[in-house]
Amino acid sequence: MKVMVVDDEADVRTLFEQRFRREVRAGQIAFYFALSAEEALVLLEQLMGEVSLILSDINMPGMNGLDLLKAVKEKHHHLKVFMITAYGNAEYQQRAVDYGCDDYFTKPLDFGMLKAKLLT
């Protein structure tokens, strides 16, 4: 499975690489990283069908994760999108569902649960 992680915090890359080290080595999962929603949309077009899931933060400068979700679902209906937020905001969660979010996580991430969802 190829997953794009979208988060404006660069240290998220290191965190995912550490937490999924075994799965990456075993070839079960590969990650692409984008530091903004805008960068994610460009990368998604460059990868043309390689990515099967996007895991995006909601709160980012510029285009936020909800806007990214909406844009992705309009153009790539088949692509799964999981949203992540540090805020347990019911409004954000409802908007994410309305825009077609496939799953919703709050920070700090439960990596055990995330692994289970990604690898099943």
C-alpha atoms as a PDB file:
ATOM      1  CA  MET A   1       0.000   0.000   0.000  1.00  0.00           C
ATOM      2  CA  LYS A   2       1.230   3.485  -0.884  1.00  0.00           C
ATOM      3  CA  VAL A   3       0.172   6.262   1.480  1.00  0.00           C
ATOM      4  CA  MET A   4       0.610  10.015   1.196  1.00  0.00           C
ATOM      5  CA  VAL A   5       0.952  11.802   4.530  1.00  0.00           C
ATOM      6  CA  VAL A   6       0.106  15.518   4.424  1.00  0.00           C
ATOM      7  CA  ASP A   7       1.129  17.650   7.389  1.00  0.00           C
ATOM      8  CA  ASP A   8       2.798  21.052   7.690  1.00  0.00           C
ATOM      9  CA  GLU A   9       5.024  19.768  10.503  1.00  0.00           C
ATOM     10  CA  ALA A  10       8.159  18.257   8.955  1.00  0.00           C
ATOM     11  CA  ASP A  11       8.889  16.031  11.977  1.00  0.00           C
ATOM     12  CA  VAL A  12       5.806  13.935  11.112  1.00  0.00           C
ATOM     13  CA  ARG A  13       7.920  12.240   8.430  1.00  0.00           C
ATOM     14  CA  THR A  14      10.430  10.981  10.986  1.00  0.00           C
ATOM     15  CA  LEU A  15       7.638   9.831  13.283  1.00  0.00           C
ATOM     16  CA  PHE A  16       5.946   7.761  10.548  1.00  0.00           C
ATOM     17  CA  GLU A  17       9.253   6.323   9.359  1.00  0.00           C
ATOM     18  CA  GLN A  18      10.057   5.196  12.908  1.00  0.00           C
ATOM     19  CA  ARG A  19       6.600   3.813  13.728  1.00  0.00           C
ATOM     20  CA  PHE A  20       6.270   1.912  10.433  1.00  0.00           C
ATOM     21  CA  ARG A  21       9.915   0.831  10.085  1.00  0.00           C
ATOM     22  CA  ARG A  22       9.134  -2.916   9.964  1.00  0.00           C
ATOM     23  CA  GLU A  23       6.235  -2.540   7.559  1.00  0.00           C
ATOM     24  CA  VAL A  24       8.284  -0.357   5.201  1.00  0.00           C
ATOM     25  CA  ARG A  25      11.199  -2.822   5.252  1.00  0.00           C
ATOM     26  CA  ALA A  26       8.814  -5.716   4.584  1.00  0.00           C
ATOM     27  CA  GLY A  27       7.362  -3.852   1.590  1.00  0.00           C
ATOM     28  CA  GLN A  28       3.894  -3.748   3.116  1.00  0.00           C
ATOM     29  CA  ILE A  29       3.666   0.020   2.994  1.00  0.00           C
ATOM     30  CA  ALA A  30       5.426   2.954   1.340  1.00  0.00           C
ATOM     31  CA  PHE A  31       5.018   6.594   2.260  1.00  0.00           C
ATOM     32  CA  TYR A  32       5.091   9.847   0.327  1.00  0.00           C
ATOM     33  CA  PHE A  33       5.130  13.090   2.285  1.00  0.00           C
ATOM     34  CA  ALA A  34       3.795  16.553   1.503  1.00  0.00           C
ATOM     35  CA  LEU A  35       4.128  19.635   3.713  1.00  0.00           C
ATOM     36  CA  SER A  36       0.975  21.331   2.419  1.00  0.00           C
ATOM     37  CA  ALA A  37      -2.319  20.516   0.757  1.00  0.00           C
ATOM     38  CA  GLU A  38      -1.167  22.333  -2.360  1.00  0.00           C
ATOM     39  CA  GLU A  39       2.006  20.234  -2.511  1.00  0.00           C
ATOM     40  CA  ALA A  40      -0.083  17.093  -1.982  1.00  0.00           C
ATOM     41  CA  LEU A  41      -2.287  17.868  -5.001  1.00  0.00           C
ATOM     42  CA  VAL A  42       0.766  18.388  -7.226  1.00  0.00           C
ATOM     43  CA  LEU A  43       2.405  15.195  -5.942  1.00  0.00           C
ATOM     44  CA  LEU A  44      -0.817  13.250  -6.411  1.00  0.00           C
ATOM     45  CA  GLU A  45      -0.923  14.234 -10.094  1.00  0.00           C
ATOM     46  CA  GLN A  46       2.757  13.301 -10.531  1.00  0.00           C
ATOM     47  CA  LEU A  47       2.221   9.862  -9.006  1.00  0.00           C
ATOM     48  CA  MET A  48      -0.824   9.162 -11.243  1.00  0.00           C
ATOM     49  CA  GLY A  49      -2.622   6.342  -9.480  1.00  0.00           C
ATOM     50  CA  GLU A  50       0.207   5.042  -7.298  1.00  0.00           C
ATOM     51  CA  VAL A  51      -1.228   6.372  -4.037  1.00  0.00           C
ATOM     52  CA  SER A  52      -4.119   4.389  -2.559  1.00  0.00           C
ATOM     53  CA  LEU A  53      -4.690   6.475   0.582  1.00  0.00           C
ATOM     54  CA  ILE A  54      -4.103  10.008   1.842  1.00  0.00           C
ATOM     55  CA  LEU A  55      -3.625  10.673   5.537  1.00  0.00           C
ATOM     56  CA  SER A  56      -3.985  14.419   6.085  1.00  0.00           C
ATOM     57  CA  ASP A  57      -3.876  16.838   8.965  1.00  0.00           C
ATOM     58  CA  ILE A  58      -6.817  19.244   9.002  1.00  0.00           C
ATOM     59  CA  ASN A  59      -5.177  22.397  10.357  1.00  0.00           C
ATOM     60  CA  MET A  60      -2.552  23.665   7.935  1.00  0.00           C
ATOM     61  CA  PRO A  61      -1.746  27.144   6.625  1.00  0.00           C
ATOM     62  CA  GLY A  62      -3.121  27.999   3.191  1.00  0.00           C
ATOM     63  CA  MET A  63      -5.388  25.254   1.910  1.00  0.00           C
ATOM     64  CA  ASN A  64      -6.476  23.208   4.919  1.00  0.00           C
ATOM     65  CA  GLY A  65      -7.027  19.462   5.081  1.00  0.00           C
ATOM     66  CA  LEU A  66     -10.797  19.698   4.640  1.00  0.00           C
ATOM     67  CA  ASP A  67     -10.315  21.637   1.405  1.00  0.00           C
ATOM     68  CA  LEU A  68      -7.797  19.010   0.301  1.00  0.00           C
ATOM     69  CA  LEU A  69     -10.280  16.245   1.124  1.00  0.00           C
ATOM     70  CA  LYS A  70     -12.991  17.922  -0.939  1.00  0.00           C
ATOM     71  CA  ALA A  71     -10.659  18.474  -3.915  1.00  0.00           C
ATOM     72  CA  VAL A  72      -9.365  14.901  -3.836  1.00  0.00           C
ATOM     73  CA  LYS A  73     -12.815  13.322  -3.587  1.00  0.00           C
ATOM     74  CA  GLU A  74     -14.108  15.458  -6.479  1.00  0.00           C
ATOM     75  CA  LYS A  75     -11.351  14.271  -8.810  1.00  0.00           C
ATOM     76  CA  HIS A  76     -10.321  10.871  -7.395  1.00  0.00           C
ATOM     77  CA  HIS A  77     -13.497   9.246  -6.027  1.00  0.00           C
ATOM     78  CA  HIS A  78     -11.794   5.893  -5.399  1.00  0.00           C
ATOM     79  CA  LEU A  79      -8.990   7.316  -3.257  1.00  0.00           C
ATOM     80  CA  LYS A  80      -9.370   6.808   0.479  1.00  0.00           C
ATOM     81  CA  VAL A  81      -8.706   9.828   2.680  1.00  0.00           C
ATOM     82  CA  PHE A  82      -8.195   9.664   6.445  1.00  0.00           C
ATOM     83  CA  MET A  83      -8.217  12.947   8.368  1.00  0.00           C
ATOM     84  CA  ILE A  84      -6.179  13.779  11.480  1.00  0.00           C
ATOM     85  CA  THR A  85      -6.698  16.646  13.888  1.00  0.00           C
ATOM     86  CA  ALA A  86      -5.323  17.772  17.217  1.00  0.00           C
ATOM     87  CA  TYR A  87      -8.715  19.245  18.016  1.00  0.00           C
ATOM     88  CA  GLY A  88     -11.757  17.113  18.811  1.00  0.00           C
ATOM     89  CA  ASN A  89     -13.937  19.576  16.937  1.00  0.00           C
ATOM     90  CA  ALA A  90     -17.390  18.143  16.111  1.00  0.00           C
ATOM     91  CA  GLU A  91     -17.858  20.672  13.298  1.00  0.00           C
ATOM     92  CA  TYR A  92     -14.618  19.580  11.592  1.00  0.00           C
ATOM     93  CA  GLN A  93     -15.562  15.945  11.993  1.00  0.00           C
ATOM     94  CA  GLN A  94     -19.000  16.517  10.464  1.00  0.00           C
ATOM     95  CA  ARG A  95     -17.546  18.473   7.544  1.00  0.00           C
ATOM     96  CA  ALA A  96     -15.000  15.711   6.972  1.00  0.00           C
ATOM     97  CA  VAL A  97     -17.801  13.141   6.834  1.00  0.00           C
ATOM     98  CA  ASP A  98     -19.846  15.386   4.525  1.00  0.00           C
ATOM     99  CA  TYR A  99     -16.854  15.716   2.162  1.00  0.00           C
ATOM    100  CA  GLY A 100     -16.349  11.934   2.008  1.00  0.00           C
ATOM    101  CA  CYS A 101     -13.720  11.243   4.660  1.00  0.00           C
ATOM    102  CA  ASP A 102     -13.085   7.506   5.019  1.00  0.00           C
ATOM    103  CA  ASP A 103     -11.821   7.699   8.612  1.00  0.00           C
ATOM    104  CA  TYR A 104     -11.027  10.325  11.225  1.00  0.00           C
ATOM    105  CA  PHE A 105      -8.301  10.316  13.900  1.00  0.00           C
ATOM    106  CA  THR A 106      -7.368  12.679  16.715  1.00  0.00           C
ATOM    107  CA  LYS A 107      -3.846  13.422  17.899  1.00  0.00           C
ATOM    108  CA  PRO A 108      -1.901  11.989  19.489  1.00  0.00           C
ATOM    109  CA  LEU A 109      -2.263   9.205  16.961  1.00  0.00           C
ATOM    110  CA  ASP A 110      -2.810   5.663  18.147  1.00  0.00           C
ATOM    111  CA  PHE A 111      -0.298   4.071  15.781  1.00  0.00           C
ATOM    112  CA  GLY A 112      -1.430   0.547  16.679  1.00  0.00           C
ATOM    113  CA  MET A 113      -4.948   1.331  15.531  1.00  0.00           C
ATOM    114  CA  LEU A 114      -3.679   3.197  12.473  1.00  0.00           C
ATOM    115  CA  LYS A 115      -1.496   0.243  11.458  1.00  0.00           C
ATOM    116  CA  ALA A 116      -4.431  -2.105  11.817  1.00  0.00           C
ATOM    117  CA  LYS A 117      -6.581   0.092   9.557  1.00  0.00           C
ATOM    118  CA  LEU A 118      -3.867   0.571   6.956  1.00  0.00           C
ATOM    119  CA  LEU A 119      -2.723  -3.029   6.725  1.00  0.00           C
ATOM    120  CA  THR A 120      -6.073  -4.852   6.665  1.00  0.00           C
END
